[in-house]
């Protein structure tokens, strides 16, 4: 299974632009440098340098130095909506203005990756909730500040601001009351479920009072639907901040596959390797492996925008967390 992770790392690395060399970070070179927590000792490469997104790769850094940088972020006010309470190797948080920082420390390689983004609400405006289509199947949210990324017969995706974690949880309950309770999966900031007709809903609290609502039609409906002129080209985002539907599908399929694989590993571990019937399940995973490598290979030569990168990191973090539960 190691090759799956190799492909994933390639997918994230190809989005990064050529850096400025492994040297002391000059924060003045970074477009968002005046907003970021700084450190005078960090040396590495500026991988992405845009007005909406910055990413930096730091090499040869100790865990103590990683934690010192995290502490500087906390002191600078990046302590809202923490990704994890225990930030031993991953720290993600927002400041009061909605800027986000995510720091991943790779202890085995002594490397640290920093991703910094502008507030999600920067690209939002007042929207009118759809009265037809997939959006009309869902409860109307309280907030009208948002951005609809996709709205066609197959996929509906919207990001909403001005929505606290409490309001998010209330909205989850409203969706449950609408019948989205089949095959559900629930975490503190994540909810996924289908209704009786297999329309799949995904809700996420992203932080800084921003949520994501995604609804996808079942495959049979998508296959039978006619060409939708409102659907953007799948090979290119409809603008620099939108998530492509085929990218999201690839990531969601990957997460589903890994969930199944992790469940298999837990079962295998519980049997202490004595259940030989599990060998057929393992063979099944191997045969499906090609399907997922092909799914990801098409992204190797394409750039990911900030939304796609954020979603990639979100999915990969969830998967890694589950994998740790198996290996510990």
Protein backbone atom coordinates (compact mmCIF):
# COMPACT_ATOMS: atom_id res chain seq x y z
CA UNK A 1 0.00 0.00 0.00
CA UNK A 2 3.00 2.32 0.22
CA UNK A 3 2.65 3.28 -3.45
CA UNK A 4 -0.74 4.84 -2.73
CA UNK A 5 0.89 7.30 -0.36
CA UNK A 6 3.70 7.92 -2.85
CA UNK A 7 1.12 8.93 -5.45
CA UNK A 8 -0.60 11.19 -2.94
CA UNK A 9 2.64 12.94 -2.08
CA UNK A 10 3.33 13.47 -5.79
CA UNK A 11 -0.14 14.96 -6.18
CA UNK A 12 0.56 17.57 -3.55
CA UNK A 13 4.12 18.30 -4.60
CA UNK A 14 3.33 19.04 -8.25
CA UNK A 15 1.13 21.97 -7.29
CA UNK A 16 4.02 23.83 -5.75
CA UNK A 17 5.95 26.35 -7.78
CA UNK A 18 9.74 26.43 -8.00
CA UNK A 19 11.09 27.91 -4.80
CA UNK A 20 13.87 30.31 -4.08
CA UNK A 21 16.36 27.75 -2.74
CA UNK A 22 17.11 26.27 0.68
CA UNK A 23 18.14 29.46 2.46
CA UNK A 24 17.04 31.72 5.27
CA UNK A 25 13.41 32.70 4.75
CA UNK A 26 13.02 36.32 3.70
CA UNK A 27 9.51 37.12 4.90
CA UNK A 28 9.52 40.31 2.81
CA UNK A 29 9.57 38.15 -0.33
CA UNK A 30 6.29 36.51 0.62
CA UNK A 31 3.16 38.34 -0.51
CA UNK A 32 1.40 37.38 2.71
CA UNK A 33 4.57 37.76 4.78
CA UNK A 34 3.26 40.71 6.77
CA UNK A 35 0.33 38.56 7.97
CA UNK A 36 2.32 35.45 8.86
CA UNK A 37 4.02 34.58 12.17
CA UNK A 38 7.75 34.98 11.52
CA UNK A 39 10.89 33.24 12.67
CA UNK A 40 14.39 34.57 12.06
CA UNK A 41 16.01 31.11 12.19
CA UNK A 42 13.94 29.19 9.66
CA UNK A 43 15.70 28.15 6.46
CA UNK A 44 14.01 26.46 3.53
CA UNK A 45 12.13 27.06 0.29
CA UNK A 46 9.17 29.27 -0.52
CA UNK A 47 7.12 26.84 -2.56
CA UNK A 48 3.96 28.85 -3.25
CA UNK A 49 3.87 32.64 -3.14
CA UNK A 50 0.51 34.17 -4.02
CA UNK A 51 -1.74 36.88 -2.66
CA UNK A 52 -4.15 34.23 -1.35
CA UNK A 53 -1.82 31.35 -0.45
CA UNK A 54 1.72 30.83 0.79
CA UNK A 55 3.51 27.55 1.43
CA UNK A 56 7.01 27.04 2.80
CA UNK A 57 9.08 23.89 3.15
CA UNK A 58 11.58 23.87 6.02
CA UNK A 59 14.33 21.25 6.13
CA UNK A 60 16.64 20.04 8.92
CA UNK A 61 14.47 21.31 11.75
CA UNK A 62 14.19 19.69 15.16
CA UNK A 63 10.93 18.94 16.89
CA UNK A 64 11.79 21.52 19.53
CA UNK A 65 12.17 24.17 16.81
CA UNK A 66 8.84 23.07 15.32
CA UNK A 67 7.15 23.51 18.69
CA UNK A 68 8.85 26.86 19.21
CA UNK A 69 7.42 28.08 15.90
CA UNK A 70 3.98 26.80 16.89
CA UNK A 71 4.27 28.76 20.14
CA UNK A 72 5.13 31.89 18.15
CA UNK A 73 1.95 31.31 16.10
CA UNK A 74 -0.10 30.98 19.27
CA UNK A 75 1.44 34.18 20.64
CA UNK A 76 0.55 35.91 17.36
CA UNK A 77 -3.12 35.01 17.86
CA UNK A 78 -3.41 31.88 15.74
CA UNK A 79 -5.23 29.88 18.39
CA UNK A 80 -8.86 29.83 17.18
CA UNK A 81 -10.61 26.62 16.02
CA UNK A 82 -7.59 24.40 16.57
CA UNK A 83 -7.44 21.41 14.24
CA UNK A 84 -6.21 19.18 17.08
CA UNK A 85 -5.91 19.84 20.79
CA UNK A 86 -2.80 17.66 20.77
CA UNK A 87 -0.55 19.22 18.12
CA UNK A 88 2.42 16.90 18.48
CA UNK A 89 3.13 16.89 14.73
CA UNK A 90 0.29 18.90 13.15
CA UNK A 91 -0.89 22.36 14.14
CA UNK A 92 -3.75 24.12 12.39
CA UNK A 93 -5.59 27.24 13.58
CA UNK A 94 -7.07 30.62 12.63
CA UNK A 95 -6.66 34.12 13.98
CA UNK A 96 -9.51 36.51 14.79
CA UNK A 97 -9.44 37.91 11.24
CA UNK A 98 -9.90 34.49 9.65
CA UNK A 99 -6.36 33.95 8.35
CA UNK A 100 -5.35 30.30 8.70
CA UNK A 101 -2.04 28.56 9.25
CA UNK A 102 -1.29 24.85 9.08
CA UNK A 103 2.05 23.37 10.13
CA UNK A 104 2.97 19.73 9.55
CA UNK A 105 6.14 18.31 11.12
CA UNK A 106 7.60 15.16 9.54
CA UNK A 107 9.66 13.79 12.39
CA UNK A 108 11.34 11.03 10.37
CA UNK A 109 12.69 13.54 7.82
CA UNK A 110 13.04 16.49 10.21
CA UNK A 111 11.00 18.63 7.81
CA UNK A 112 8.23 21.13 8.40
CA UNK A 113 5.62 22.39 5.92
CA UNK A 114 3.80 25.67 6.52
CA UNK A 115 0.61 26.58 4.64
CA UNK A 116 -0.93 30.02 5.12
CA UNK A 117 -4.21 31.23 3.59
CA UNK A 118 -6.34 34.35 3.49
CA UNK A 119 -9.81 34.28 5.11
CA UNK A 120 -12.33 32.12 3.29
CA UNK A 121 -14.84 34.97 3.50
CA UNK A 122 -12.64 37.17 1.30
CA UNK A 123 -14.25 35.62 -1.78
CA UNK A 124 -17.80 35.51 -0.43
CA UNK A 125 -20.84 37.69 -1.07
CA UNK A 126 -24.55 37.67 -0.27
CA UNK A 127 -26.19 34.71 -2.00
CA UNK A 128 -29.74 33.52 -2.59
CA UNK A 129 -30.37 29.92 -1.61
CA UNK A 130 -31.42 27.77 -4.61
CA UNK A 131 -35.13 27.10 -5.00
CA UNK A 132 -34.54 24.33 -7.54
CA UNK A 133 -31.98 21.58 -8.07
CA UNK A 134 -29.90 19.81 -5.45
CA UNK A 135 -29.64 22.85 -3.18
CA UNK A 136 -33.42 22.94 -2.80
CA UNK A 137 -33.29 19.47 -1.21
CA UNK A 138 -31.47 20.92 1.80
CA UNK A 139 -32.63 23.18 4.63
CA UNK A 140 -32.03 26.87 3.96
CA UNK A 141 -29.11 27.98 6.18
CA UNK A 142 -29.37 31.01 8.40
CA UNK A 143 -26.35 32.74 6.85
CA UNK A 144 -26.59 34.32 3.40
CA UNK A 145 -22.86 35.14 3.14
CA UNK A 146 -21.27 32.54 0.94
CA UNK A 147 -20.02 31.26 -2.36
CA UNK A 148 -21.64 28.57 -4.49
CA UNK A 149 -18.87 26.66 -6.25
CA UNK A 150 -20.97 24.05 -8.01
CA UNK A 151 -24.66 23.90 -8.84
CA UNK A 152 -25.71 21.34 -11.43
CA UNK A 153 -27.61 18.07 -11.67
CA UNK A 154 -24.74 16.06 -10.18
CA UNK A 155 -23.07 18.25 -7.55
CA UNK A 156 -23.93 21.15 -5.27
CA UNK A 157 -21.15 22.75 -3.21
CA UNK A 158 -21.37 25.95 -1.20
CA UNK A 159 -19.17 27.58 1.44
CA UNK A 160 -20.93 29.77 4.01
CA UNK A 161 -19.52 32.34 6.42
CA UNK A 162 -20.97 33.78 9.63
CA UNK A 163 -21.73 30.26 10.89
CA UNK A 164 -20.44 29.35 14.34
CA UNK A 165 -19.73 25.77 15.35
CA UNK A 166 -23.00 25.85 17.32
CA UNK A 167 -24.94 26.96 14.22
CA UNK A 168 -23.16 24.26 12.22
CA UNK A 169 -24.34 21.58 14.66
CA UNK A 170 -27.89 22.96 14.47
CA UNK A 171 -27.73 22.69 10.69
CA UNK A 172 -26.56 19.08 10.94
CA UNK A 173 -29.69 18.33 12.98
CA UNK A 174 -31.89 20.06 10.41
CA UNK A 175 -30.39 17.90 7.67
CA UNK A 176 -30.97 14.79 9.78
CA UNK A 177 -34.59 15.83 10.09
CA UNK A 178 -34.69 16.04 6.28
CA UNK A 179 -33.77 12.35 6.14
CA UNK A 180 -29.99 12.45 5.72
CA UNK A 181 -29.25 9.69 8.21
CA UNK A 182 -28.43 6.65 6.06
CA UNK A 183 -24.86 5.26 6.31
CA UNK A 184 -23.90 8.27 8.39
CA UNK A 185 -20.42 9.15 9.65
CA UNK A 186 -20.05 11.78 12.34
CA UNK A 187 -17.17 13.68 13.89
CA UNK A 188 -17.15 16.93 15.85
CA UNK A 189 -16.70 19.05 12.72
CA UNK A 190 -17.72 16.57 10.02
CA UNK A 191 -20.93 14.83 9.01
CA UNK A 192 -21.64 12.61 6.03
CA UNK A 193 -24.87 10.72 5.28
CA UNK A 194 -27.26 9.71 2.52
CA UNK A 195 -31.01 10.04 2.27
CA UNK A 196 -33.37 7.22 1.27
CA UNK A 197 -32.66 7.95 -2.41
CA UNK A 198 -28.86 7.76 -1.89
CA UNK A 199 -28.17 11.46 -2.36
CA UNK A 200 -24.97 11.95 -0.35
CA UNK A 201 -24.55 14.96 1.90
CA UNK A 202 -21.25 16.10 3.40
CA UNK A 203 -21.06 18.89 5.98
CA UNK A 204 -17.83 20.35 7.37
CA UNK A 205 -17.02 23.06 9.84
CA UNK A 206 -13.84 24.48 8.31
CA UNK A 207 -13.06 26.99 11.04
CA UNK A 208 -13.34 30.76 11.50
CA UNK A 209 -17.14 30.48 11.29
CA UNK A 210 -17.06 28.97 7.81
CA UNK A 211 -18.78 25.73 6.78
CA UNK A 212 -18.90 23.66 3.61
CA UNK A 213 -22.08 22.01 2.34
CA UNK A 214 -21.78 19.40 -0.41
CA UNK A 215 -24.54 17.28 -1.94
CA UNK A 216 -23.97 14.69 -4.66
CA UNK A 217 -26.54 12.81 -6.71
CA UNK A 218 -26.31 9.00 -6.80
CA UNK A 219 -24.41 7.53 -9.74
CA UNK A 220 -27.50 6.28 -11.54
CA UNK A 221 -28.97 9.78 -11.55
CA UNK A 222 -25.69 11.30 -12.74
CA UNK A 223 -25.33 8.72 -15.49
CA UNK A 224 -28.85 9.34 -16.79
CA UNK A 225 -28.71 13.13 -16.59
CA UNK A 226 -28.39 15.10 -19.78
CA UNK A 227 -25.53 17.47 -20.52
CA UNK A 228 -25.64 20.40 -18.08
CA UNK A 229 -24.47 23.67 -19.53
CA UNK A 230 -24.01 25.12 -16.06
CA UNK A 231 -21.33 22.58 -15.21
CA UNK A 232 -17.79 23.97 -15.57
CA UNK A 233 -15.16 22.09 -17.51
CA UNK A 234 -13.82 19.33 -15.27
CA UNK A 235 -10.24 19.68 -16.46
CA UNK A 236 -9.92 23.27 -15.30
CA UNK A 237 -11.39 25.07 -12.26
CA UNK A 238 -14.00 27.70 -13.16
CA UNK A 239 -11.71 30.16 -11.38
CA UNK A 240 -8.58 30.06 -9.26
CA UNK A 241 -10.43 29.36 -6.02
CA UNK A 242 -12.98 26.70 -7.04
CA UNK A 243 -12.70 22.98 -6.43
CA UNK A 244 -13.05 20.77 -9.49
CA UNK A 245 -15.73 18.10 -9.18
CA UNK A 246 -13.52 15.32 -10.56
CA UNK A 247 -10.76 16.20 -8.07
CA UNK A 248 -13.25 16.06 -5.18
CA UNK A 249 -14.60 12.74 -6.45
CA UNK A 250 -11.07 11.31 -6.62
CA UNK A 251 -10.32 12.42 -3.06
CA UNK A 252 -13.67 11.14 -1.72
CA UNK A 253 -13.16 7.79 -3.44
CA UNK A 254 -9.67 7.58 -1.96
CA UNK A 255 -11.01 8.25 1.54
CA UNK A 256 -13.73 5.63 1.14
CA UNK A 257 -11.15 3.10 -0.07
CA UNK A 258 -8.83 3.84 2.85
CA UNK A 259 -11.73 3.57 5.32
CA UNK A 260 -12.40 0.09 3.98
CA UNK A 261 -8.72 -0.80 4.09
CA UNK A 262 -8.38 0.42 7.69
CA UNK A 263 -11.43 -1.61 8.72
CA UNK A 264 -9.80 -4.65 7.11
CA UNK A 265 -6.53 -4.02 8.97
CA UNK A 266 -8.35 -3.74 12.29
CA UNK A 267 -10.05 -7.06 11.61
CA UNK A 268 -6.75 -8.65 10.61
CA UNK A 269 -5.00 -7.28 13.70
CA UNK A 270 -7.76 -8.59 15.97
CA UNK A 271 -7.31 -12.08 14.51
CA UNK A 272 -3.53 -11.97 15.08
CA UNK A 273 -3.10 -13.03 11.46
CA UNK A 274 -4.81 -16.38 12.08
CA UNK A 275 -7.91 -15.75 9.93
CA UNK A 276 -6.82 -17.06 6.53
CA UNK A 277 -10.18 -16.08 4.99
CA UNK A 278 -8.95 -12.47 5.12
CA UNK A 279 -6.48 -13.29 2.37
CA UNK A 280 -9.28 -13.07 -0.20
CA UNK A 281 -10.16 -9.61 1.12
CA UNK A 282 -6.54 -8.58 0.75
CA UNK A 283 -6.53 -9.84 -2.85
CA UNK A 284 -9.60 -7.69 -3.47
CA UNK A 285 -7.77 -4.61 -2.18
CA UNK A 286 -4.85 -5.35 -4.48
CA UNK A 287 -7.14 -5.61 -7.50
CA UNK A 288 -8.77 -2.28 -6.65
CA UNK A 289 -5.39 -0.67 -6.16
CA UNK A 290 -4.98 -0.05 -9.90
CA UNK A 291 -8.29 1.81 -10.00
CA UNK A 292 -7.10 4.33 -7.43
CA UNK A 293 -3.61 4.76 -8.86
CA UNK A 294 -5.20 5.59 -12.21
CA UNK A 295 -7.57 8.03 -10.52
CA UNK A 296 -4.69 9.96 -8.97
CA UNK A 297 -2.25 9.73 -11.90
CA UNK A 298 -4.37 12.12 -13.96
CA UNK A 299 -3.67 14.86 -11.40
CA UNK A 300 0.11 14.49 -11.45
CA UNK A 301 0.55 17.08 -14.22
CA UNK A 302 -2.12 19.52 -13.02
CA UNK A 303 -1.99 22.38 -10.54
CA UNK A 304 -4.25 22.39 -7.50
CA UNK A 305 -5.73 25.65 -6.29
CA UNK A 306 -5.98 26.69 -2.65
CA UNK A 307 -9.36 25.03 -2.09
CA UNK A 308 -8.17 21.76 -3.59
CA UNK A 309 -4.96 21.84 -1.58
CA UNK A 310 -6.92 22.53 1.63
CA UNK A 311 -9.32 19.66 0.87
CA UNK A 312 -6.40 17.35 0.05
CA UNK A 313 -4.78 18.13 3.41
CA UNK A 314 -8.10 17.71 5.22
CA UNK A 315 -8.74 14.26 3.74
CA UNK A 316 -5.15 13.13 4.19
CA UNK A 317 -5.14 14.26 7.85
CA UNK A 318 -8.30 12.27 8.56
CA UNK A 319 -6.85 9.19 6.86
CA UNK A 320 -3.52 9.48 8.67
CA UNK A 321 -5.30 9.82 12.01
CA UNK A 322 -7.23 6.61 11.34
CA UNK A 323 -4.07 4.80 10.21
CA UNK A 324 -2.35 5.74 13.46
CA UNK A 325 -5.19 4.07 15.37
CA UNK A 326 -4.40 0.84 13.55
CA UNK A 327 -0.63 0.93 13.95
CA UNK A 328 -0.58 2.01 17.62
